[in-house]
N, C-alpha and C. Protein backbone atom coordinates (compact mmCIF):
# COMPACT_ATOMS: atom_id res chain seq x y z
N MET A 1 -30.57 116.73 225.70
CA MET A 1 -30.24 117.75 227.05
C MET A 1 -29.44 116.65 227.84
N PHE A 2 -28.38 117.13 228.73
CA PHE A 2 -27.33 116.28 229.45
C PHE A 2 -28.30 116.17 230.48
N SER A 3 -28.16 115.09 231.21
CA SER A 3 -28.68 114.46 232.28
C SER A 3 -27.60 113.48 232.82
N ILE A 4 -27.52 113.88 234.43
CA ILE A 4 -26.97 113.55 235.34
C ILE A 4 -26.81 111.90 235.43
N TYR A 5 -27.85 111.58 234.95
CA TYR A 5 -28.26 110.11 234.77
C TYR A 5 -27.73 109.35 233.48
N SER A 6 -26.97 109.65 232.76
CA SER A 6 -26.37 109.53 232.06
C SER A 6 -24.68 109.23 231.93
N ILE A 7 -24.63 109.56 233.10
CA ILE A 7 -22.84 109.12 233.58
C ILE A 7 -23.08 108.02 234.34
N SER A 8 -22.14 107.36 233.74
CA SER A 8 -22.30 105.69 234.21
C SER A 8 -21.67 105.44 235.65
N SER A 9 -20.38 106.81 235.84
CA SER A 9 -20.05 106.68 237.45
C SER A 9 -21.27 106.83 238.19
N VAL A 10 -22.39 107.86 238.05
CA VAL A 10 -23.31 108.17 238.78
C VAL A 10 -24.29 106.85 239.16
N TRP A 11 -24.45 106.24 238.07
CA TRP A 11 -24.96 105.07 238.54
C TRP A 11 -24.46 104.04 239.42
N LEU A 12 -23.09 103.95 238.95
CA LEU A 12 -22.41 102.95 239.88
C LEU A 12 -22.39 103.40 241.47
N ALA A 13 -22.23 104.90 241.43
CA ALA A 13 -22.27 105.41 242.84
C ALA A 13 -23.30 105.05 243.50
N ILE A 14 -24.58 105.26 242.73
CA ILE A 14 -25.66 104.89 243.44
C ILE A 14 -26.03 103.40 243.90
N ILE A 15 -25.65 102.41 242.93
CA ILE A 15 -25.82 101.37 243.41
C ILE A 15 -24.82 100.91 244.75
N LEU A 16 -23.76 101.23 244.28
CA LEU A 16 -22.65 100.52 245.85
C LEU A 16 -22.89 101.60 246.85
N GLY A 17 -23.43 102.93 246.81
CA GLY A 17 -24.11 103.66 247.79
C GLY A 17 -25.47 102.83 248.38
N GLY A 18 -26.18 102.48 247.73
CA GLY A 18 -27.67 101.91 248.10
C GLY A 18 -27.01 100.30 248.74
N ILE A 19 -25.80 99.52 248.31
CA ILE A 19 -25.65 98.32 249.17
C ILE A 19 -25.18 98.72 250.17
N ILE A 20 -23.86 99.78 250.23
CA ILE A 20 -23.25 99.57 251.45
C ILE A 20 -24.03 100.67 252.27
N GLY A 21 -24.66 101.50 252.06
CA GLY A 21 -26.02 102.13 253.37
C GLY A 21 -26.49 100.63 253.71
N CYS A 22 -27.17 99.80 252.89
CA CYS A 22 -27.82 98.74 253.47
C CYS A 22 -27.21 98.14 254.56
N VAL A 23 -25.93 97.62 254.24
CA VAL A 23 -24.91 96.96 255.21
C VAL A 23 -24.76 97.89 256.56
N ALA A 24 -24.38 99.29 256.52
CA ALA A 24 -24.32 100.16 257.28
C ALA A 24 -25.52 99.99 258.39
N THR A 25 -26.88 100.17 257.91
CA THR A 25 -28.10 100.33 258.39
C THR A 25 -28.12 98.86 259.38
N ALA A 26 -27.59 97.81 258.81
CA ALA A 26 -27.47 96.36 259.35
C ALA A 26 -26.68 96.60 260.76
N PHE A 27 -25.54 96.98 260.34
CA PHE A 27 -24.76 96.97 261.65
C PHE A 27 -25.28 98.24 262.96
N VAL A 28 -25.55 99.49 262.39
CA VAL A 28 -26.29 100.22 263.01
C VAL A 28 -27.34 99.44 264.25
N ALA A 29 -28.25 98.31 263.32
CA ALA A 29 -29.32 97.93 263.91
C ALA A 29 -28.88 96.90 265.08
N ASN A 30 -28.28 96.44 264.28
CA ASN A 30 -27.34 95.55 265.53
C ASN A 30 -26.71 96.06 266.27
N ALA A 31 -25.53 97.04 266.37
CA ALA A 31 -25.46 97.93 268.13
C ALA A 31 -26.34 98.24 268.50
N LEU A 32 -27.68 98.97 268.28
CA LEU A 32 -28.84 99.60 268.99
C LEU A 32 -29.93 98.55 269.55
N LYS A 33 -29.99 97.42 268.71
CA LYS A 33 -31.02 96.78 269.10
C LYS A 33 -30.88 95.07 269.11
N GLY A 34 -29.53 94.72 268.59
CA GLY A 34 -29.17 93.43 268.38
C GLY A 34 -29.78 92.56 267.61
N VAL A 35 -30.03 93.30 266.54
CA VAL A 35 -30.57 92.94 265.18
C VAL A 35 -29.77 92.13 264.36
N PRO A 36 -29.65 90.83 264.10
CA PRO A 36 -28.81 90.25 263.52
C PRO A 36 -28.42 90.61 261.89
N VAL A 37 -26.97 91.04 262.01
CA VAL A 37 -26.77 91.46 260.47
C VAL A 37 -26.95 90.95 259.61
N LYS A 38 -27.09 89.61 259.39
CA LYS A 38 -27.71 88.99 258.50
C LYS A 38 -29.06 89.11 257.74
N ALA A 39 -29.81 89.62 258.96
CA ALA A 39 -30.98 89.69 258.75
C ALA A 39 -31.61 91.29 258.12
N VAL A 40 -30.59 91.89 257.95
CA VAL A 40 -30.62 93.02 257.06
C VAL A 40 -29.99 93.02 256.04
N ALA A 41 -28.36 92.64 255.99
CA ALA A 41 -27.21 92.83 255.07
C ALA A 41 -27.37 91.34 254.07
N GLY A 42 -28.27 90.59 254.56
CA GLY A 42 -28.32 89.00 253.88
C GLY A 42 -29.61 89.18 252.95
N ASN A 43 -30.35 90.24 253.03
CA ASN A 43 -31.79 89.85 252.37
C ASN A 43 -31.72 91.07 250.89
N TRP A 44 -31.47 90.39 249.99
CA TRP A 44 -31.47 90.98 248.53
C TRP A 44 -32.26 92.03 248.31
N ALA A 45 -33.76 92.03 248.79
CA ALA A 45 -34.58 92.69 248.63
C ALA A 45 -34.49 94.13 249.35
N LYS A 46 -33.82 93.84 250.36
CA LYS A 46 -33.38 95.18 251.50
C LYS A 46 -32.45 95.83 250.61
N HIS A 47 -31.16 95.33 249.91
CA HIS A 47 -30.38 95.98 248.99
C HIS A 47 -31.37 96.56 247.89
N VAL A 48 -32.02 95.84 246.86
CA VAL A 48 -32.79 96.57 246.05
C VAL A 48 -33.27 97.75 246.66
N TRP A 49 -33.84 97.39 247.61
CA TRP A 49 -35.03 98.93 248.09
C TRP A 49 -33.98 100.19 248.69
N SER A 50 -32.57 99.70 248.91
CA SER A 50 -31.79 100.73 249.17
C SER A 50 -31.30 101.21 247.84
N ILE A 51 -30.99 100.73 247.09
CA ILE A 51 -30.68 101.37 245.66
C ILE A 51 -31.42 102.01 245.32
N ILE A 52 -32.90 101.73 245.58
CA ILE A 52 -34.15 102.64 244.72
C ILE A 52 -34.41 103.91 245.79
N PHE A 53 -33.88 103.73 246.86
CA PHE A 53 -33.75 104.97 247.50
C PHE A 53 -32.60 106.00 247.57
N MET A 54 -31.72 105.25 246.66
CA MET A 54 -30.85 106.35 246.18
C MET A 54 -30.77 107.00 245.20
N VAL A 55 -31.68 106.44 244.41
CA VAL A 55 -31.58 107.16 242.98
C VAL A 55 -32.06 108.58 242.56
N PRO A 56 -33.07 109.29 243.79
CA PRO A 56 -33.25 110.63 243.59
C PRO A 56 -32.14 111.53 244.13
N VAL A 57 -30.99 110.87 244.57
CA VAL A 57 -29.95 111.43 245.23
C VAL A 57 -29.19 112.43 244.49
N PRO A 58 -28.64 112.02 243.34
CA PRO A 58 -28.02 113.13 242.10
C PRO A 58 -29.03 114.51 242.17
N LEU A 59 -30.33 114.29 242.18
CA LEU A 59 -31.13 115.53 241.94
C LEU A 59 -31.26 116.19 242.84
N LEU A 60 -31.29 115.54 244.35
CA LEU A 60 -31.59 116.34 245.52
C LEU A 60 -29.96 116.96 245.74
N ILE A 61 -28.80 116.38 245.73
CA ILE A 61 -28.00 117.10 245.99
C ILE A 61 -27.98 118.30 245.11
N GLY A 62 -28.32 118.40 243.87
CA GLY A 62 -28.06 119.61 242.79
C GLY A 62 -29.25 120.94 243.53
N LEU A 63 -30.03 120.61 244.55
CA LEU A 63 -30.81 121.48 245.14
C LEU A 63 -30.26 122.46 246.24
N PRO A 64 -30.77 123.62 246.39
CA PRO A 64 -30.04 124.43 247.43
C PRO A 64 -29.98 123.60 248.75
N ALA A 65 -29.00 123.62 249.33
CA ALA A 65 -29.08 122.42 250.78
C ALA A 65 -29.45 121.18 250.37
N GLY A 66 -28.67 120.83 249.22
CA GLY A 66 -29.16 119.49 248.71
C GLY A 66 -28.40 118.42 249.30
N TRP A 67 -27.30 118.56 250.08
CA TRP A 67 -26.50 117.33 250.84
C TRP A 67 -27.54 117.04 252.20
N ILE A 68 -27.96 118.37 252.68
CA ILE A 68 -29.14 118.23 253.84
C ILE A 68 -30.46 117.29 253.24
N ILE A 69 -30.52 117.55 252.41
CA ILE A 69 -32.01 117.37 252.07
C ILE A 69 -32.28 115.86 251.01
N ALA A 70 -30.77 115.71 250.55
CA ALA A 70 -30.69 114.04 250.15
C ALA A 70 -30.49 113.31 251.76
N PHE A 71 -29.69 113.95 252.81
CA PHE A 71 -29.67 113.42 254.25
C PHE A 71 -31.11 113.00 254.59
N LEU A 72 -32.09 113.82 254.67
CA LEU A 72 -33.07 113.78 255.42
C LEU A 72 -33.78 112.82 254.37
N TRP A 73 -34.12 112.68 253.07
CA TRP A 73 -34.59 111.76 252.42
C TRP A 73 -34.23 110.45 252.68
N LEU A 74 -32.94 110.22 252.48
CA LEU A 74 -32.23 108.95 252.90
C LEU A 74 -32.69 108.40 254.38
N VAL A 75 -33.21 108.94 255.48
CA VAL A 75 -33.39 108.84 256.48
C VAL A 75 -34.87 108.83 256.48
N LEU A 76 -35.83 109.51 256.10
CA LEU A 76 -37.04 109.85 256.02
C LEU A 76 -38.05 108.69 255.27
N ALA A 77 -37.53 108.68 254.13
CA ALA A 77 -38.41 107.85 253.15
C ALA A 77 -38.18 106.21 253.47
N PRO A 78 -36.93 105.89 254.16
CA PRO A 78 -37.15 104.29 253.85
C PRO A 78 -37.77 104.02 255.33
N THR A 79 -37.58 105.04 256.40
CA THR A 79 -38.35 104.69 257.43
C THR A 79 -39.75 104.88 257.49
N ILE A 80 -40.47 105.68 256.71
CA ILE A 80 -41.79 106.05 256.40
C ILE A 80 -41.94 104.57 255.46
N ALA A 81 -41.32 103.98 254.66
CA ALA A 81 -41.80 102.75 254.33
C ALA A 81 -41.90 101.82 254.99
N SER A 82 -40.96 101.66 256.07
CA SER A 82 -40.83 100.54 257.17
C SER A 82 -42.11 100.56 257.78
N LYS A 83 -42.35 101.66 258.26
CA LYS A 83 -43.62 101.65 259.15
C LYS A 83 -44.84 101.53 258.34
N ILE A 84 -44.75 101.70 257.24
CA ILE A 84 -46.23 101.63 256.06
C ILE A 84 -46.32 100.12 255.92
N TYR A 85 -45.46 99.80 255.32
CA TYR A 85 -45.18 98.62 254.54
C TYR A 85 -44.35 97.45 254.89
N PHE A 86 -42.89 97.78 254.91
CA PHE A 86 -42.17 97.05 254.91
C PHE A 86 -42.03 96.20 256.63
N GLY A 87 -42.30 97.01 257.66
CA GLY A 87 -41.87 96.75 258.96
C GLY A 87 -40.56 96.77 259.39
N PRO A 88 -39.81 96.88 260.51
CA PRO A 88 -40.69 96.06 261.53
C PRO A 88 -41.96 97.46 262.23
N LYS A 89 -43.05 97.17 262.28
CA LYS A 89 -43.83 98.14 263.00
C LYS A 89 -43.84 98.16 264.19
N ASP A 90 -43.21 97.68 264.87
CA ASP A 90 -43.32 97.43 266.80
C ASP A 90 -42.31 98.51 266.90
N LEU A 91 -41.11 98.93 266.39
CA LEU A 91 -40.42 99.65 266.43
C LEU A 91 -40.72 101.26 266.33
N PRO A 92 -39.80 102.27 267.51
CA PRO A 92 -40.59 103.33 267.56
C PRO A 92 -39.60 103.85 266.06
N PHE A 93 -40.59 105.11 265.86
CA PHE A 93 -40.08 105.63 264.63
C PHE A 93 -38.77 106.48 264.72
N ILE A 94 -38.74 106.83 265.74
CA ILE A 94 -36.90 107.59 265.71
C ILE A 94 -36.18 106.44 265.89
N THR A 95 -36.58 105.10 266.08
CA THR A 95 -35.29 104.26 266.21
C THR A 95 -35.06 103.97 264.91
N LEU A 96 -36.22 103.83 264.30
CA LEU A 96 -35.86 103.41 262.44
C LEU A 96 -34.94 104.39 262.03
N CYS A 97 -35.24 105.66 262.15
CA CYS A 97 -34.95 107.01 261.72
C CYS A 97 -33.15 106.71 261.99
N THR A 98 -32.85 106.29 263.31
CA THR A 98 -31.55 105.63 263.66
C THR A 98 -30.76 105.03 262.97
N PHE A 99 -31.54 104.15 263.02
CA PHE A 99 -30.97 102.89 261.98
C PHE A 99 -30.94 103.43 260.24
N HIS A 100 -31.45 104.36 259.91
CA HIS A 100 -31.78 105.00 258.30
C HIS A 100 -30.47 105.79 258.36
N ALA A 101 -30.39 106.71 259.39
CA ALA A 101 -29.28 107.56 259.67
C ALA A 101 -27.90 106.95 259.22
N GLY A 102 -27.65 105.62 259.68
CA GLY A 102 -26.41 104.86 259.07
C GLY A 102 -26.55 104.53 257.81
N PHE A 103 -27.72 104.48 257.09
CA PHE A 103 -27.60 104.34 255.65
C PHE A 103 -27.30 105.56 254.91
N ALA A 104 -28.01 106.62 255.42
CA ALA A 104 -27.98 107.86 254.86
C ALA A 104 -26.11 108.36 254.51
N VAL A 105 -25.71 108.35 256.26
CA VAL A 105 -24.24 108.64 255.81
C VAL A 105 -23.56 107.76 254.71
N ALA A 106 -23.64 106.55 255.24
CA ALA A 106 -22.94 105.76 254.48
C ALA A 106 -23.15 105.76 252.91
N GLY A 107 -24.38 105.67 252.69
CA GLY A 107 -24.59 105.99 251.41
C GLY A 107 -23.88 107.36 250.56
N LEU A 108 -24.28 107.82 251.55
CA LEU A 108 -24.11 109.49 250.93
C LEU A 108 -22.31 109.94 250.50
N ILE A 109 -21.62 109.11 251.74
CA ILE A 109 -20.07 109.28 251.33
C ILE A 109 -20.01 108.58 250.22
N ILE A 110 -20.02 107.27 250.26
CA ILE A 110 -20.14 106.51 248.96
C ILE A 110 -20.74 107.06 247.53
N TYR A 111 -21.44 107.76 247.83
CA TYR A 111 -22.01 108.63 246.54
C TYR A 111 -20.81 109.63 246.06
N ALA A 112 -20.52 110.38 247.10
CA ALA A 112 -19.78 111.26 246.70
C ALA A 112 -18.53 111.13 246.42
N LEU A 113 -17.92 110.15 247.01
CA LEU A 113 -16.41 109.43 246.54
C LEU A 113 -16.49 109.02 245.02
N LEU A 114 -17.65 108.02 244.69
CA LEU A 114 -17.62 107.57 243.69
C LEU A 114 -18.09 108.51 242.19
N SER A 115 -18.90 109.29 242.67
CA SER A 115 -19.44 110.25 241.45
C SER A 115 -18.40 111.48 241.31
N ARG A 116 -17.55 111.69 241.80
CA ARG A 116 -16.95 112.24 242.08
C ARG A 116 -15.23 112.22 241.18
N THR A 117 -15.21 110.85 241.60
CA THR A 117 -13.85 110.49 241.23
C THR A 117 -13.69 109.58 240.13
N LEU A 118 -14.98 109.14 239.69
CA LEU A 118 -14.78 108.12 238.43
C LEU A 118 -15.05 108.74 237.24
């Protein structure tokens, strides 16, 4: 059976989407709250988790209204994970959603460009 995950360009899009999305989160957090960019973009563990959050994107995009569902996933999943486990727990939920909206937009743009063109 054919799987979207058997295509190497999809994995490249997931990995680069996660990394660039993480960097976008750093810049949004910096612009809104003065969080040092290096605190987010310089943390390899945050990049790993960003890539992990990108893994379901190919499946989500295949659903009806998939791009919207993927966007919501990429905003809400890392926000909930931040509130429950990773921190910062002192920031309001909506602020973290805003940070992760930068991740979602950048990650989806990179995913769309790479998975379609390679």
